[in-house]
N, C-alpha and C. Protein backbone atom coordinates (compact mmCIF):
# COMPACT_ATOMS: atom_id res chain seq x y z
N MET A 1 -25.85 94.59 93.32
CA MET A 1 -24.90 95.48 94.01
C MET A 1 -25.59 96.80 94.33
N THR A 2 -25.46 97.27 95.56
CA THR A 2 -26.11 98.51 95.99
C THR A 2 -25.32 99.71 95.50
N GLU A 3 -26.04 100.70 94.98
CA GLU A 3 -25.39 101.92 94.49
C GLU A 3 -24.84 102.71 95.66
N GLU A 4 -23.60 103.19 95.53
CA GLU A 4 -22.96 103.95 96.59
C GLU A 4 -23.67 105.27 96.81
N VAL A 5 -23.91 105.59 98.07
CA VAL A 5 -24.62 106.81 98.42
C VAL A 5 -23.64 107.97 98.47
N ASP A 6 -23.94 109.05 97.78
CA ASP A 6 -23.11 110.25 97.78
C ASP A 6 -23.56 111.13 98.94
N GLY A 7 -22.73 111.20 99.98
CA GLY A 7 -23.09 111.96 101.17
C GLY A 7 -22.65 113.41 101.14
N SER A 8 -22.05 113.85 100.02
CA SER A 8 -21.63 115.24 99.92
C SER A 8 -22.85 116.15 99.81
N LEU A 9 -22.62 117.46 100.00
CA LEU A 9 -23.72 118.40 99.84
C LEU A 9 -24.29 118.33 98.44
N VAL A 10 -23.42 118.22 97.44
CA VAL A 10 -23.89 118.12 96.05
C VAL A 10 -24.74 116.87 95.87
N GLY A 11 -24.31 115.76 96.47
CA GLY A 11 -25.09 114.53 96.39
C GLY A 11 -26.46 114.68 97.02
N LYS A 12 -26.52 115.40 98.12
CA LYS A 12 -27.81 115.61 98.79
C LYS A 12 -28.72 116.52 97.99
N ILE A 13 -28.16 117.52 97.34
CA ILE A 13 -28.98 118.40 96.50
C ILE A 13 -29.48 117.63 95.27
N ARG A 14 -28.62 116.81 94.69
CA ARG A 14 -29.06 115.98 93.56
C ARG A 14 -30.22 115.07 93.98
N ASN A 15 -30.09 114.49 95.15
CA ASN A 15 -31.17 113.62 95.65
C ASN A 15 -32.46 114.41 95.85
N TYR A 16 -32.31 115.65 96.31
CA TYR A 16 -33.49 116.51 96.48
C TYR A 16 -34.17 116.75 95.14
N TYR A 17 -33.38 117.03 94.10
CA TYR A 17 -33.95 117.24 92.78
C TYR A 17 -34.67 115.99 92.26
N HIS A 18 -34.12 114.84 92.57
CA HIS A 18 -34.73 113.59 92.09
C HIS A 18 -36.00 113.23 92.85
N SER A 19 -36.00 113.51 94.16
CA SER A 19 -37.10 113.00 94.99
C SER A 19 -37.86 114.06 95.76
N VAL A 20 -37.36 115.33 95.76
CA VAL A 20 -37.98 116.43 96.52
C VAL A 20 -38.22 115.99 97.96
N THR A 21 -37.13 115.60 98.63
CA THR A 21 -37.19 115.16 100.02
C THR A 21 -37.28 116.36 100.95
N ASP A 22 -37.31 116.09 102.23
CA ASP A 22 -37.44 117.12 103.26
C ASP A 22 -36.30 118.12 103.14
N ILE A 23 -36.64 119.38 102.90
CA ILE A 23 -35.62 120.40 102.66
C ILE A 23 -34.89 120.81 103.94
N SER A 24 -35.45 120.50 105.11
CA SER A 24 -34.80 120.89 106.36
C SER A 24 -33.44 120.21 106.50
N HIS A 25 -33.34 118.94 106.09
CA HIS A 25 -32.05 118.23 106.16
C HIS A 25 -31.06 118.85 105.17
N LEU A 26 -31.56 119.31 104.05
CA LEU A 26 -30.70 119.95 103.05
C LEU A 26 -30.16 121.27 103.59
N ASN A 27 -31.00 122.03 104.25
CA ASN A 27 -30.57 123.30 104.84
C ASN A 27 -29.51 123.08 105.92
N GLU A 28 -29.65 122.00 106.68
CA GLU A 28 -28.65 121.67 107.69
C GLU A 28 -27.30 121.37 107.06
N ALA A 29 -27.32 120.66 105.93
CA ALA A 29 -26.08 120.34 105.22
C ALA A 29 -25.43 121.61 104.66
N ILE A 30 -26.23 122.55 104.19
CA ILE A 30 -25.71 123.82 103.69
C ILE A 30 -25.06 124.62 104.82
N GLU A 31 -25.71 124.66 105.97
CA GLU A 31 -25.15 125.36 107.13
C GLU A 31 -23.83 124.73 107.56
N ALA A 32 -23.76 123.41 107.55
CA ALA A 32 -22.54 122.72 107.96
C ALA A 32 -21.38 123.02 107.01
N GLU A 33 -21.67 123.07 105.72
CA GLU A 33 -20.63 123.40 104.74
C GLU A 33 -20.18 124.85 104.90
N ALA A 34 -21.12 125.76 105.11
CA ALA A 34 -20.79 127.17 105.26
C ALA A 34 -19.95 127.43 106.51
N ALA A 35 -20.15 126.63 107.53
CA ALA A 35 -19.42 126.82 108.79
C ALA A 35 -17.93 126.57 108.64
N GLN A 36 -17.52 125.94 107.55
CA GLN A 36 -16.10 125.62 107.35
C GLN A 36 -15.30 126.75 106.72
N ILE A 37 -15.99 127.80 106.25
CA ILE A 37 -15.27 128.87 105.57
C ILE A 37 -15.46 130.20 106.31
N ALA A 38 -14.44 131.05 106.20
CA ALA A 38 -14.45 132.33 106.91
C ALA A 38 -15.36 133.33 106.20
N ALA A 39 -15.92 134.24 106.98
CA ALA A 39 -16.79 135.27 106.41
C ALA A 39 -15.98 136.25 105.56
N TRP A 40 -16.68 136.91 104.64
CA TRP A 40 -16.02 137.82 103.70
C TRP A 40 -16.82 139.12 103.61
N ASP A 41 -16.17 140.23 103.90
CA ASP A 41 -16.81 141.54 103.84
C ASP A 41 -16.73 142.05 102.41
N ALA A 42 -17.66 141.61 101.57
CA ALA A 42 -17.61 141.97 100.15
C ALA A 42 -19.02 142.00 99.57
N SER A 43 -19.13 142.64 98.41
CA SER A 43 -20.38 142.65 97.65
C SER A 43 -20.15 141.82 96.38
N VAL A 44 -20.90 140.73 96.24
CA VAL A 44 -20.69 139.81 95.13
C VAL A 44 -21.99 139.61 94.38
N TYR A 45 -21.91 139.71 93.07
CA TYR A 45 -23.07 139.46 92.21
C TYR A 45 -22.86 138.09 91.56
N PHE A 46 -23.81 137.19 91.79
CA PHE A 46 -23.77 135.86 91.20
C PHE A 46 -24.65 135.82 89.95
N ILE A 47 -24.09 135.32 88.87
CA ILE A 47 -24.90 134.97 87.70
C ILE A 47 -25.00 133.45 87.70
N VAL A 48 -26.20 132.94 87.93
CA VAL A 48 -26.38 131.50 88.09
C VAL A 48 -27.14 130.94 86.88
N ASP A 49 -26.52 129.99 86.24
CA ASP A 49 -27.10 129.34 85.06
C ASP A 49 -28.08 128.25 85.52
N ALA A 50 -29.36 128.48 85.26
CA ALA A 50 -30.40 127.47 85.55
C ALA A 50 -31.10 127.10 84.26
N SER A 51 -30.34 127.11 83.15
CA SER A 51 -30.92 126.76 81.85
C SER A 51 -30.97 125.24 81.69
N ALA A 52 -31.59 124.78 80.60
CA ALA A 52 -31.82 123.35 80.41
C ALA A 52 -30.54 122.53 80.38
N SER A 53 -29.47 123.11 79.84
CA SER A 53 -28.23 122.35 79.73
C SER A 53 -27.63 122.00 81.09
N MET A 54 -28.03 122.73 82.13
CA MET A 54 -27.51 122.47 83.48
C MET A 54 -28.15 121.23 84.12
N ARG A 55 -29.17 120.69 83.49
CA ARG A 55 -29.80 119.49 84.05
C ARG A 55 -28.97 118.24 83.80
N GLY A 56 -28.45 118.10 82.58
CA GLY A 56 -27.72 116.90 82.25
C GLY A 56 -28.66 115.71 82.08
N PHE A 57 -28.08 114.53 81.94
CA PHE A 57 -28.91 113.34 81.75
C PHE A 57 -28.13 112.11 82.22
N GLY A 58 -28.85 110.98 82.31
CA GLY A 58 -28.22 109.74 82.75
C GLY A 58 -27.68 109.84 84.16
N HIS A 59 -26.48 109.29 84.40
CA HIS A 59 -25.91 109.31 85.74
C HIS A 59 -25.40 110.70 86.13
N ARG A 60 -25.40 111.64 85.17
CA ARG A 60 -25.00 113.02 85.48
C ARG A 60 -26.21 113.94 85.65
N GLU A 61 -27.39 113.40 85.63
CA GLU A 61 -28.58 114.25 85.73
C GLU A 61 -28.56 115.04 87.04
N TYR A 62 -28.83 116.31 86.93
CA TYR A 62 -28.89 117.27 88.04
C TYR A 62 -27.52 117.55 88.69
N ASN A 63 -26.44 117.00 88.15
CA ASN A 63 -25.14 117.24 88.77
C ASN A 63 -24.75 118.71 88.69
N ASN A 64 -24.84 119.31 87.49
CA ASN A 64 -24.39 120.70 87.32
C ASN A 64 -25.23 121.68 88.11
N ILE A 65 -26.55 121.52 88.07
CA ILE A 65 -27.41 122.46 88.81
C ILE A 65 -27.24 122.27 90.31
N ALA A 66 -26.96 121.05 90.75
CA ALA A 66 -26.73 120.81 92.18
C ALA A 66 -25.47 121.51 92.65
N ILE A 67 -24.41 121.46 91.84
CA ILE A 67 -23.18 122.16 92.18
C ILE A 67 -23.42 123.67 92.22
N ALA A 68 -24.11 124.18 91.21
CA ALA A 68 -24.39 125.61 91.15
C ALA A 68 -25.17 126.08 92.38
N MET A 69 -26.20 125.33 92.74
CA MET A 69 -27.02 125.74 93.87
C MET A 69 -26.28 125.57 95.19
N GLY A 70 -25.45 124.53 95.29
CA GLY A 70 -24.65 124.37 96.49
C GLY A 70 -23.68 125.52 96.69
N LEU A 71 -22.97 125.88 95.62
CA LEU A 71 -22.05 127.02 95.70
C LEU A 71 -22.79 128.29 96.11
N LEU A 72 -23.90 128.55 95.46
CA LEU A 72 -24.65 129.78 95.74
C LEU A 72 -25.12 129.81 97.19
N LYS A 73 -25.75 128.73 97.64
CA LYS A 73 -26.33 128.71 98.99
C LYS A 73 -25.27 128.84 100.07
N VAL A 74 -24.14 128.16 99.87
CA VAL A 74 -23.07 128.21 100.86
C VAL A 74 -22.40 129.57 100.87
N PHE A 75 -22.02 130.07 99.70
CA PHE A 75 -21.30 131.34 99.65
C PHE A 75 -22.17 132.51 100.10
N GLN A 76 -23.46 132.45 99.84
CA GLN A 76 -24.36 133.52 100.29
C GLN A 76 -24.30 133.70 101.80
N LYS A 77 -24.08 132.62 102.52
CA LYS A 77 -24.08 132.68 103.98
C LYS A 77 -22.80 133.28 104.55
N ARG A 78 -21.76 133.41 103.72
CA ARG A 78 -20.48 133.89 104.23
C ARG A 78 -20.06 135.22 103.61
N ILE A 79 -20.85 135.76 102.71
CA ILE A 79 -20.53 137.03 102.06
C ILE A 79 -21.48 138.11 102.56
N ARG A 80 -20.93 139.28 102.85
CA ARG A 80 -21.74 140.35 103.44
C ARG A 80 -22.96 140.70 102.61
N GLN A 81 -22.77 140.91 101.30
CA GLN A 81 -23.88 141.31 100.43
C GLN A 81 -23.82 140.53 99.13
N THR A 82 -24.92 139.91 98.77
CA THR A 82 -24.97 139.16 97.51
C THR A 82 -26.24 139.51 96.74
N GLU A 83 -26.12 139.47 95.43
CA GLU A 83 -27.26 139.62 94.53
C GLU A 83 -27.16 138.53 93.47
N ILE A 84 -28.30 138.18 92.88
CA ILE A 84 -28.32 137.05 91.94
C ILE A 84 -29.02 137.46 90.65
N GLY A 85 -28.40 137.09 89.54
CA GLY A 85 -29.04 137.18 88.24
C GLY A 85 -29.15 135.77 87.68
N TRP A 86 -30.33 135.39 87.25
CA TRP A 86 -30.57 134.03 86.79
C TRP A 86 -30.54 133.94 85.28
N ILE A 87 -29.99 132.84 84.77
CA ILE A 87 -30.06 132.51 83.35
C ILE A 87 -30.99 131.30 83.23
N GLY A 88 -31.93 131.38 82.30
CA GLY A 88 -32.89 130.28 82.17
C GLY A 88 -34.05 130.48 83.11
N GLU A 89 -34.21 129.56 84.05
CA GLU A 89 -35.32 129.63 85.00
C GLU A 89 -35.03 130.66 86.08
N THR A 90 -36.05 131.44 86.44
CA THR A 90 -35.97 132.36 87.57
C THR A 90 -36.87 131.82 88.67
N PRO A 91 -36.31 131.39 89.80
CA PRO A 91 -37.13 130.76 90.83
C PRO A 91 -38.07 131.74 91.49
N SER A 92 -39.25 131.24 91.85
CA SER A 92 -40.20 132.04 92.62
C SER A 92 -39.80 131.99 94.09
N ASP A 93 -40.51 132.73 94.93
CA ASP A 93 -40.20 132.74 96.35
C ASP A 93 -40.32 131.35 96.96
N ASN A 94 -41.17 130.51 96.39
CA ASN A 94 -41.41 129.18 96.94
C ASN A 94 -40.57 128.11 96.24
N ASN A 95 -39.69 128.52 95.35
CA ASN A 95 -38.89 127.55 94.60
C ASN A 95 -37.44 127.98 94.64
N THR A 96 -36.78 127.70 95.77
CA THR A 96 -35.40 128.15 95.94
C THR A 96 -34.41 127.24 95.22
N PHE A 97 -34.87 126.10 94.73
CA PHE A 97 -34.02 125.20 93.94
C PHE A 97 -34.70 125.01 92.59
N PRO A 98 -34.47 125.92 91.65
CA PRO A 98 -35.22 125.91 90.38
C PRO A 98 -34.90 124.70 89.51
N GLN A 99 -35.89 124.23 88.80
CA GLN A 99 -35.67 123.22 87.79
C GLN A 99 -34.98 123.88 86.59
N PRO A 100 -33.91 123.29 86.08
CA PRO A 100 -33.19 123.90 84.95
C PRO A 100 -33.98 123.79 83.65
N VAL A 101 -34.38 124.94 83.12
CA VAL A 101 -35.13 125.00 81.86
C VAL A 101 -34.70 126.25 81.11
N GLY A 102 -35.00 126.29 79.82
CA GLY A 102 -34.77 127.49 79.03
C GLY A 102 -33.39 127.54 78.40
N THR A 103 -33.12 128.65 77.73
CA THR A 103 -31.87 128.83 76.99
C THR A 103 -30.82 129.56 77.82
N THR A 104 -29.61 129.59 77.29
CA THR A 104 -28.50 130.24 77.99
C THR A 104 -28.16 131.55 77.30
N ALA A 105 -28.69 132.64 77.84
CA ALA A 105 -28.41 133.99 77.31
C ALA A 105 -27.55 134.72 78.33
N LEU A 106 -26.24 134.63 78.16
CA LEU A 106 -25.32 135.15 79.16
C LEU A 106 -25.12 136.66 79.08
N ALA A 107 -25.03 137.21 77.88
CA ALA A 107 -24.70 138.63 77.72
C ALA A 107 -25.64 139.57 78.48
N PRO A 108 -26.99 139.41 78.37
CA PRO A 108 -27.88 140.31 79.12
C PRO A 108 -27.68 140.20 80.63
N ALA A 109 -27.43 138.98 81.11
CA ALA A 109 -27.21 138.81 82.55
C ALA A 109 -25.93 139.50 82.99
N LEU A 110 -24.92 139.47 82.14
CA LEU A 110 -23.64 140.11 82.46
C LEU A 110 -23.79 141.62 82.49
N ILE A 111 -24.53 142.19 81.55
CA ILE A 111 -24.76 143.63 81.53
C ILE A 111 -25.49 144.08 82.80
N LYS A 112 -26.49 143.30 83.19
CA LYS A 112 -27.25 143.63 84.41
C LYS A 112 -26.35 143.57 85.64
N ALA A 113 -25.47 142.58 85.69
CA ALA A 113 -24.57 142.44 86.83
C ALA A 113 -23.64 143.64 86.94
N ILE A 114 -23.12 144.10 85.83
CA ILE A 114 -22.19 145.23 85.81
C ILE A 114 -22.86 146.50 86.34
N GLN A 115 -24.14 146.66 86.05
CA GLN A 115 -24.87 147.84 86.49
C GLN A 115 -24.95 147.94 88.01
N HIS A 116 -24.81 146.81 88.70
CA HIS A 116 -24.86 146.81 90.17
C HIS A 116 -23.51 147.17 90.79
N ASN A 117 -22.47 147.22 89.98
CA ASN A 117 -21.13 147.63 90.42
C ASN A 117 -20.67 146.89 91.68
N PRO A 118 -20.65 145.56 91.66
CA PRO A 118 -20.21 144.80 92.84
C PRO A 118 -18.69 144.76 92.93
N ASP A 119 -18.19 144.21 94.03
CA ASP A 119 -16.75 143.99 94.16
C ASP A 119 -16.28 142.86 93.25
N LEU A 120 -17.19 141.93 92.97
CA LEU A 120 -16.84 140.75 92.17
C LEU A 120 -18.10 140.19 91.51
N ILE A 121 -17.94 139.70 90.29
CA ILE A 121 -19.01 138.97 89.60
C ILE A 121 -18.57 137.52 89.47
N ILE A 122 -19.39 136.60 89.96
CA ILE A 122 -19.12 135.17 89.83
C ILE A 122 -20.16 134.56 88.92
N LEU A 123 -19.70 134.02 87.80
CA LEU A 123 -20.58 133.28 86.90
C LEU A 123 -20.47 131.80 87.22
N ILE A 124 -21.61 131.16 87.49
CA ILE A 124 -21.64 129.71 87.69
C ILE A 124 -22.43 129.13 86.53
N SER A 125 -21.73 128.53 85.58
CA SER A 125 -22.38 128.08 84.35
C SER A 125 -21.55 126.99 83.69
N ASP A 126 -22.23 126.07 82.99
CA ASP A 126 -21.51 125.03 82.27
C ASP A 126 -20.80 125.57 81.03
N GLY A 127 -21.08 126.81 80.65
CA GLY A 127 -20.35 127.43 79.56
C GLY A 127 -20.92 127.20 78.18
N TYR A 128 -22.16 126.70 78.11
CA TYR A 128 -22.79 126.49 76.81
C TYR A 128 -23.70 127.68 76.50
N GLU A 129 -23.15 128.70 75.88
CA GLU A 129 -23.92 129.89 75.51
C GLU A 129 -24.64 129.61 74.19
N ASN A 130 -25.97 129.41 74.24
CA ASN A 130 -26.69 129.01 73.03
C ASN A 130 -27.65 130.07 72.51
N VAL A 131 -27.57 131.29 73.03
CA VAL A 131 -28.36 132.40 72.50
C VAL A 131 -27.39 133.52 72.15
N GLU A 132 -27.42 133.94 70.88
CA GLU A 132 -26.52 135.02 70.42
C GLU A 132 -25.08 134.75 70.83
N GLN A 133 -24.56 133.61 70.38
CA GLN A 133 -23.19 133.26 70.71
C GLN A 133 -22.23 134.34 70.22
N GLY A 134 -21.29 134.69 71.08
CA GLY A 134 -20.33 135.75 70.75
C GLY A 134 -20.68 137.08 71.36
N ASP A 135 -21.94 137.26 71.79
CA ASP A 135 -22.34 138.53 72.39
C ASP A 135 -21.57 138.81 73.68
N THR A 136 -21.32 137.76 74.46
CA THR A 136 -20.61 137.95 75.72
C THR A 136 -19.21 138.49 75.48
N ALA A 137 -18.52 137.95 74.48
CA ALA A 137 -17.18 138.43 74.15
C ALA A 137 -17.22 139.90 73.74
N MET A 138 -18.28 140.29 73.02
CA MET A 138 -18.42 141.68 72.61
C MET A 138 -18.65 142.59 73.81
N VAL A 139 -19.46 142.12 74.76
CA VAL A 139 -19.71 142.89 75.99
C VAL A 139 -18.41 143.08 76.75
N LEU A 140 -17.63 142.02 76.90
CA LEU A 140 -16.37 142.11 77.64
C LEU A 140 -15.39 143.05 76.95
N ALA A 141 -15.36 143.00 75.62
CA ALA A 141 -14.48 143.91 74.86
C ALA A 141 -14.92 145.35 75.04
N GLY A 142 -16.23 145.57 75.06
CA GLY A 142 -16.75 146.92 75.27
C GLY A 142 -16.40 147.46 76.64
N LEU A 143 -16.48 146.60 77.66
CA LEU A 143 -16.14 147.01 79.02
C LEU A 143 -14.68 147.43 79.11
N GLU A 144 -13.82 146.69 78.42
CA GLU A 144 -12.39 147.02 78.44
C GLU A 144 -12.15 148.39 77.82
N LYS A 145 -12.84 148.67 76.72
CA LYS A 145 -12.68 149.97 76.06
C LYS A 145 -13.18 151.11 76.93
N LEU A 146 -14.22 150.83 77.72
CA LEU A 146 -14.79 151.86 78.60
C LEU A 146 -14.01 152.00 79.91
N GLY A 147 -13.06 151.12 80.12
CA GLY A 147 -12.26 151.18 81.34
C GLY A 147 -12.98 150.67 82.56
N ILE A 148 -14.04 149.87 82.37
CA ILE A 148 -14.78 149.29 83.49
C ILE A 148 -14.08 148.00 83.89
N LYS A 149 -13.57 147.96 85.10
CA LYS A 149 -12.74 146.83 85.54
C LYS A 149 -13.30 146.19 86.80
N ILE A 150 -14.42 145.54 86.66
CA ILE A 150 -14.99 144.77 87.78
C ILE A 150 -14.42 143.35 87.69
N PRO A 151 -13.78 142.85 88.73
CA PRO A 151 -13.25 141.49 88.68
C PRO A 151 -14.36 140.47 88.42
N MET A 152 -14.06 139.49 87.58
CA MET A 152 -15.02 138.44 87.27
C MET A 152 -14.30 137.10 87.30
N LEU A 153 -15.04 136.05 87.58
CA LEU A 153 -14.51 134.71 87.43
C LEU A 153 -15.64 133.76 87.08
N HIS A 154 -15.25 132.65 86.51
CA HIS A 154 -16.21 131.68 85.98
C HIS A 154 -15.98 130.34 86.67
N ILE A 155 -17.01 129.82 87.32
CA ILE A 155 -16.95 128.48 87.91
C ILE A 155 -17.76 127.54 87.03
N ILE A 156 -17.11 126.51 86.51
CA ILE A 156 -17.77 125.53 85.66
C ILE A 156 -18.06 124.27 86.46
N PRO A 157 -19.33 123.92 86.68
CA PRO A 157 -19.64 122.66 87.35
C PRO A 157 -19.12 121.49 86.53
N ALA A 158 -18.53 120.50 87.20
CA ALA A 158 -17.94 119.37 86.50
C ALA A 158 -18.27 118.07 87.23
N PHE A 159 -18.35 116.99 86.48
CA PHE A 159 -18.62 115.69 87.09
C PHE A 159 -17.34 115.11 87.68
N THR A 160 -16.20 115.36 87.03
CA THR A 160 -14.91 114.96 87.57
C THR A 160 -13.92 116.11 87.36
N GLU A 161 -12.79 116.03 88.03
CA GLU A 161 -11.77 117.06 87.92
C GLU A 161 -11.06 117.02 86.56
N ARG A 162 -11.30 115.96 85.79
CA ARG A 162 -10.67 115.83 84.46
C ARG A 162 -11.67 116.13 83.34
N GLU A 163 -12.72 116.86 83.67
CA GLU A 163 -13.76 117.19 82.69
C GLU A 163 -13.16 117.90 81.47
N ASN A 164 -13.58 117.49 80.29
CA ASN A 164 -13.15 118.12 79.05
C ASN A 164 -14.03 119.34 78.77
N ILE A 165 -13.43 120.54 78.79
CA ILE A 165 -14.22 121.76 78.61
C ILE A 165 -13.80 122.52 77.35
N THR A 166 -13.19 121.81 76.41
CA THR A 166 -12.70 122.48 75.21
C THR A 166 -13.81 123.07 74.35
N ASP A 167 -15.04 122.54 74.49
CA ASP A 167 -16.15 123.07 73.69
C ASP A 167 -16.99 124.08 74.46
N ARG A 168 -16.51 124.51 75.62
CA ARG A 168 -17.24 125.51 76.41
C ARG A 168 -16.81 126.91 76.04
N GLN A 169 -17.54 127.92 76.55
CA GLN A 169 -17.19 129.32 76.32
C GLN A 169 -16.96 130.02 77.66
N PRO A 170 -15.76 129.87 78.22
CA PRO A 170 -15.48 130.55 79.49
C PRO A 170 -15.38 132.06 79.29
N LEU A 171 -15.49 132.80 80.38
CA LEU A 171 -15.34 134.25 80.31
C LEU A 171 -13.91 134.60 79.90
N VAL A 172 -13.77 135.27 78.79
CA VAL A 172 -12.44 135.60 78.26
C VAL A 172 -11.74 136.55 79.23
N GLY A 173 -10.50 136.22 79.55
CA GLY A 173 -9.70 137.10 80.40
C GLY A 173 -9.96 136.96 81.87
N SER A 174 -10.83 136.03 82.27
CA SER A 174 -11.16 135.83 83.69
C SER A 174 -10.74 134.44 84.13
N PRO A 175 -10.38 134.28 85.40
CA PRO A 175 -10.03 132.94 85.90
C PRO A 175 -11.22 131.99 85.75
N THR A 176 -10.93 130.75 85.39
CA THR A 176 -11.96 129.72 85.26
C THR A 176 -11.61 128.56 86.18
N PHE A 177 -12.54 128.22 87.07
CA PHE A 177 -12.34 127.11 88.00
C PHE A 177 -13.31 125.99 87.68
N LEU A 178 -12.84 124.75 87.74
CA LEU A 178 -13.74 123.60 87.70
C LEU A 178 -14.15 123.26 89.12
N GLU A 179 -15.40 122.89 89.31
CA GLU A 179 -15.89 122.55 90.64
C GLU A 179 -16.74 121.28 90.57
N THR A 180 -16.31 120.23 91.29
CA THR A 180 -17.09 119.00 91.36
C THR A 180 -17.94 118.95 92.63
N GLY A 181 -17.52 119.68 93.65
CA GLY A 181 -18.26 119.69 94.90
C GLY A 181 -18.07 118.45 95.75
N GLN A 182 -17.33 117.48 95.27
CA GLN A 182 -17.21 116.21 96.00
C GLN A 182 -16.38 116.35 97.27
N ARG A 183 -15.53 117.36 97.34
CA ARG A 183 -14.72 117.57 98.54
C ARG A 183 -15.08 118.88 99.24
N GLY A 184 -16.32 119.32 98.99
CA GLY A 184 -16.74 120.58 99.59
C GLY A 184 -16.28 121.77 98.76
N PHE A 185 -16.59 122.95 99.23
CA PHE A 185 -16.32 124.17 98.47
C PHE A 185 -15.21 125.03 99.05
N LEU A 186 -14.54 124.55 100.09
CA LEU A 186 -13.52 125.35 100.74
C LEU A 186 -12.37 125.70 99.79
N SER A 187 -11.91 124.74 99.00
CA SER A 187 -10.77 125.02 98.12
C SER A 187 -11.10 126.09 97.09
N THR A 188 -12.30 126.05 96.54
CA THR A 188 -12.72 127.08 95.58
C THR A 188 -12.83 128.43 96.27
N TRP A 189 -13.37 128.45 97.47
CA TRP A 189 -13.47 129.69 98.26
C TRP A 189 -12.09 130.30 98.45
N LEU A 190 -11.10 129.49 98.83
CA LEU A 190 -9.75 129.99 99.06
C LEU A 190 -9.12 130.49 97.76
N ARG A 191 -9.36 129.80 96.65
CA ARG A 191 -8.81 130.23 95.36
C ARG A 191 -9.39 131.57 94.94
N ILE A 192 -10.67 131.77 95.18
CA ILE A 192 -11.31 133.04 94.84
C ILE A 192 -10.70 134.17 95.67
N ARG A 193 -10.62 133.93 96.97
CA ARG A 193 -10.09 134.97 97.86
C ARG A 193 -8.63 135.26 97.55
N ALA A 194 -7.85 134.21 97.29
CA ALA A 194 -6.42 134.40 97.00
C ALA A 194 -6.22 135.15 95.69
N HIS A 195 -7.09 134.92 94.73
CA HIS A 195 -6.97 135.62 93.45
C HIS A 195 -7.23 137.11 93.61
N LEU A 196 -8.23 137.46 94.42
CA LEU A 196 -8.61 138.87 94.57
C LEU A 196 -7.78 139.58 95.63
N GLU A 197 -7.36 138.85 96.66
CA GLU A 197 -6.65 139.48 97.77
C GLU A 197 -5.40 138.67 98.12
N PRO A 198 -4.45 138.55 97.20
CA PRO A 198 -3.28 137.71 97.46
C PRO A 198 -2.48 138.15 98.68
N GLU A 199 -2.52 139.44 98.98
CA GLU A 199 -1.74 139.94 100.11
C GLU A 199 -2.30 139.50 101.46
N SER A 200 -3.57 139.08 101.48
CA SER A 200 -4.20 138.69 102.74
C SER A 200 -4.34 137.18 102.87
N LEU A 201 -3.61 136.42 102.05
CA LEU A 201 -3.77 134.97 102.05
C LEU A 201 -3.38 134.35 103.38
N SER A 202 -2.31 134.83 103.99
CA SER A 202 -1.88 134.25 105.27
C SER A 202 -2.93 134.48 106.34
N THR A 203 -3.54 135.68 106.35
CA THR A 203 -4.61 135.97 107.31
C THR A 203 -5.81 135.07 107.06
N LEU A 204 -6.15 134.89 105.79
CA LEU A 204 -7.27 134.05 105.42
C LEU A 204 -7.06 132.61 105.87
N LEU A 205 -5.85 132.09 105.70
CA LEU A 205 -5.55 130.72 106.09
C LEU A 205 -5.66 130.56 107.60
N ARG A 206 -5.19 131.56 108.35
CA ARG A 206 -5.32 131.50 109.81
C ARG A 206 -6.79 131.48 110.22
N GLN A 207 -7.60 132.32 109.57
CA GLN A 207 -9.03 132.33 109.89
C GLN A 207 -9.67 130.98 109.58
N THR A 208 -9.27 130.39 108.48
CA THR A 208 -9.85 129.11 108.08
C THR A 208 -9.47 128.02 109.07
N LEU A 209 -8.20 127.98 109.48
CA LEU A 209 -7.73 126.95 110.39
C LEU A 209 -8.33 127.10 111.78
N SER A 210 -8.70 128.33 112.13
CA SER A 210 -9.26 128.57 113.47
C SER A 210 -10.76 128.27 113.50
């Protein structure tokens, strides 16, 4: 029996990780996905988890990192200003799709993100904080005491929409979204925008439909 081909953007990125195929076709798929969502005049800081746990294994190998990179590449094309902080591997100029290696040290990345004072911080991570566990919660508590209120949200890559995340460490007090990428990223984009700008949801929907 022939294995079903995953034609989604996430499936294509996973295939790229497995075989390092021609990246031009991958870039075309990213452009096509980005064309489905409306532009956003905002400054967003992405914290992207490229640590070893994002690789996965077996039939889930490269699923999480593929979702993370798909989200990043697509959203970067529709947001006015973006900056990136990496957890684990930091890609070189010639390695825009990093191999997931290293540990998950979230707290330092979060502190660095806050220093940039963006409109929003988006963490894309499987939620396995394995360096100085609990430090992130302390950082968030400290920010609250200092009155620093930068909106944050956590996107957890998932293999299915019923993924069990009870053993993960989501950002306390911030919205947490599961993302499989199998139906594209438009729904997550709309949820992010609706959470931050609920009053402009009708305008956003009109832009999306047009």
